[in-house]
Amino acid sequence: MKCSFYSTLLLGLCYCMNVRAAHPDSIPATVADNATLELVSKQFAFTEGPVADKKGNIFFTDQPNNKIWKYDTRGQLSVFLDKAGRSNGLYVDRKGNIIACADEKDELWSISPKGKIKILVNNFGGHQLNGPNDVWVAPGGGIYFTDPYYQRDYWERKQPDIKEERVYYLAPGAKEPIIAAEDFVKPNGIIGTPDGKQVYVADINGGKVYRYSVNSDGTLSRQQLMASKTTDGLALDDKGNLYLCGNGITVVSKEGEQTGFIPVPESWTANACFGGKNNDILFITAGKSIYTLKMKVKGGE
């Protein structure tokens, strides 16, 4: 009887712990034990677009100050690029180039590891883009980017040249993008799976996050609702969990179940990525600040 009692008690405790870990308002089980949010710096105007290179160094933007910064695996901060085209979202391709959403002139850039700039896209069908916002590079080298319209104080124009706010796809070697998807109110964050078969898009003004299947021509189809949440940037871990940035960070399983919440002190959390030597540091851009958080999982983009 004693053995049975203690076995029952242990099972009960395990059940309670599992329920607690899965509670949507609790700290996600993917966060390392006893880990706390670490403030790295708060010297910026507005941080965005974090991405890691193959070594785990992280690049991010301070858009109002027109800079791309580097946070290396030793924890050192440095300016990677001045006059960065008012870059927002970033992604690193397989050659180590930073693909940047440079919305000063509504362009998509490729920036070499030495800082050499190449303009990849500056229009669609002869029309000025709204303002590339976030970007993901597929395993085969194709580039997906969101193009919402946010009126910038450094623009002379006061209205968009393209009415629709879309996701575009630039095939490898192509000079012009195609429309990948356009059923959004205002697309923002974007990320894809390592196999390149699925892409997640945050419709920030629609208050939704969707998952799409990738077609052979690069277009997106079979829209599936993953979360009804106002979301800015997105990150993905190696277990398929999705990190929704906005009011803190909400974690959603690949089945679409909310499994936890990471509170962040700032009023708005714009974006996050995984990086560090072991790819198990969640790097968070939030307003004037950047943070890190040790995780049990690794990045899965």
Foldseek 3Di string as FASTA:
>chain_A
DVVVVVVVVVVVVVVVVVVQCQPLAAAHPFFDPPWDKFFLDQQAFFKAAWEADPQFWIWIDRLVQQWIWIQGQVRDIDTQDHNNLSWHHWYAAPQRWIFTQRFLQRFTWTAHSNGDIDTQDQAAPPFGFQTWAYWEAANQGKIKTWTFHDDDPSDPDDDGRDPFTAIWIDDVPRRHIDGQDGPAPHWAAKYAFNNRQKIWIARQVQQWIWIFGADPVRHTDDIDTQGNGRFHYWFAWQQGWIWGWFQATWIAHNVSRTRHGGHDPARGWHYWYFGHNVQQWIWTTGRSTIIIGGTNTHGGD
